[in-house]
Structure formats: structure tokens, C-alpha cells
Amino acid sequence: MENRDAVWPERLKYLRKSNNLSQTDVAGVLHCSQVAYGMYELGKRKISADKLLTLAQYYHVSMDYIMGLHDEV
């Protein structure tokens, strides 16, 4: 199984791009800066459970999907 620490940043980027959103757009949803959000996508900053839940609800996917526990949205 792929390392989950490497999966969630890729999933965040995939979800953002597949919804035609900029990092600034998603940063607005999370009430953080574009730079902070960019660090999430690069895996250089851990994302809090609260922010993860916000994104899961925003994209209509499960937290398990974002974290790489399964591949079904």
C-alpha cells in the first residue's frame, strides 16, 4: 500500500484541479493563505482534521478518500 503521508497532498491537488479551482480559491474555503494551502499540496505542512473535514464536505468526498484509505470517492 502506498504511504498515506504521500497520498493526501496528491489527492488535494487532484480534487482542486478537477474542480478547476486555484490554490487561492481553496485557501479561501479554508480561511488560510494561498501559501499555507500550497504547503498542504506539497506535503510540507500537515493539515488539521478540521480543515480536512471542511475540504471533504466541500468536494463531496470522504475523509478516507483524501487520506488514501480507499480509492472510491
Protein backbone atom coordinates (compact mmCIF):
# COMPACT_ATOMS: atom_id res chain seq x y z
CA MET A 1 0.00 0.00 0.00
CA GLU A 2 1.19 3.47 -0.83
CA ASN A 3 2.40 5.64 2.04
CA ARG A 4 -0.64 7.66 3.19
CA ASP A 5 1.58 10.63 4.02
CA ALA A 6 2.29 10.87 0.30
CA VAL A 7 -1.32 10.32 -0.81
CA TRP A 8 -3.28 13.16 0.78
CA PRO A 9 -1.27 16.02 -0.79
CA GLU A 10 -1.75 14.43 -4.22
CA ARG A 11 -5.46 13.97 -3.57
CA LEU A 12 -5.86 17.62 -2.53
CA LYS A 13 -4.17 18.76 -5.72
CA TYR A 14 -6.23 16.35 -7.85
CA LEU A 15 -9.51 17.48 -6.29
CA ARG A 16 -8.64 21.15 -6.72
CA LYS A 17 -7.59 20.78 -10.36
CA SER A 18 -10.51 18.52 -11.29
CA ASN A 19 -12.84 21.24 -9.99
CA ASN A 20 -10.99 23.96 -11.94
CA LEU A 21 -10.04 25.82 -8.78
CA SER A 22 -6.92 27.80 -7.96
CA GLN A 23 -4.98 27.39 -4.73
CA THR A 24 -6.30 30.83 -3.78
CA ASP A 25 -9.89 29.60 -4.25
CA VAL A 26 -9.36 26.65 -1.92
CA ALA A 27 -7.40 28.75 0.57
CA GLY A 28 -10.49 30.97 0.81
CA VAL A 29 -12.62 27.95 1.72
CA LEU A 30 -10.13 27.07 4.46
CA HIS A 31 -9.62 30.67 5.62
CA CYS A 32 -5.87 30.42 5.16
CA SER A 33 -3.33 31.98 2.82
CA GLN A 34 -2.54 30.62 -0.63
CA VAL A 35 1.00 29.94 0.59
CA ALA A 36 -0.28 27.85 3.52
CA TYR A 37 -2.60 25.89 1.22
CA GLY A 38 0.23 25.35 -1.26
CA MET A 39 2.27 23.81 1.56
CA TYR A 40 -0.56 21.30 2.15
CA GLU A 41 -0.47 20.26 -1.50
CA LEU A 42 3.30 19.88 -1.36
CA GLY A 43 3.05 17.80 1.82
CA LYS A 44 5.28 20.27 3.64
CA ARG A 45 2.61 21.13 6.19
CA LYS A 46 0.22 18.75 7.93
CA ILE A 47 -3.46 19.51 7.53
CA SER A 48 -5.70 19.63 10.59
CA ALA A 49 -8.68 17.33 10.95
CA ASP A 50 -10.98 20.38 10.89
CA LYS A 51 -9.58 21.58 7.57
CA LEU A 52 -9.67 18.06 6.17
CA LEU A 53 -13.34 17.74 7.10
CA THR A 54 -14.08 21.13 5.52
CA LEU A 55 -12.47 20.01 2.25
CA ALA A 56 -14.18 16.62 2.29
CA GLN A 57 -17.56 18.34 2.66
CA TYR A 58 -16.67 20.97 0.05
CA TYR A 59 -15.66 18.38 -2.54
CA HIS A 60 -18.37 15.88 -1.50
CA VAL A 61 -15.86 13.10 -0.83
CA SER A 62 -14.95 11.16 2.29
CA MET A 63 -12.04 11.96 4.54
CA ASP A 64 -10.92 8.37 3.98
CA TYR A 65 -10.63 9.08 0.25
CA ILE A 66 -8.50 12.17 0.82
CA MET A 67 -6.26 10.29 3.27
CA GLY A 68 -5.80 7.40 0.83
CA LEU A 69 -7.57 4.75 2.90
CA HIS A 70 -9.61 3.85 -0.18
CA ASP A 71 -9.85 4.94 -3.78
CA GLU A 72 -13.63 5.29 -4.06
CA VAL A 73 -14.90 8.83 -3.77
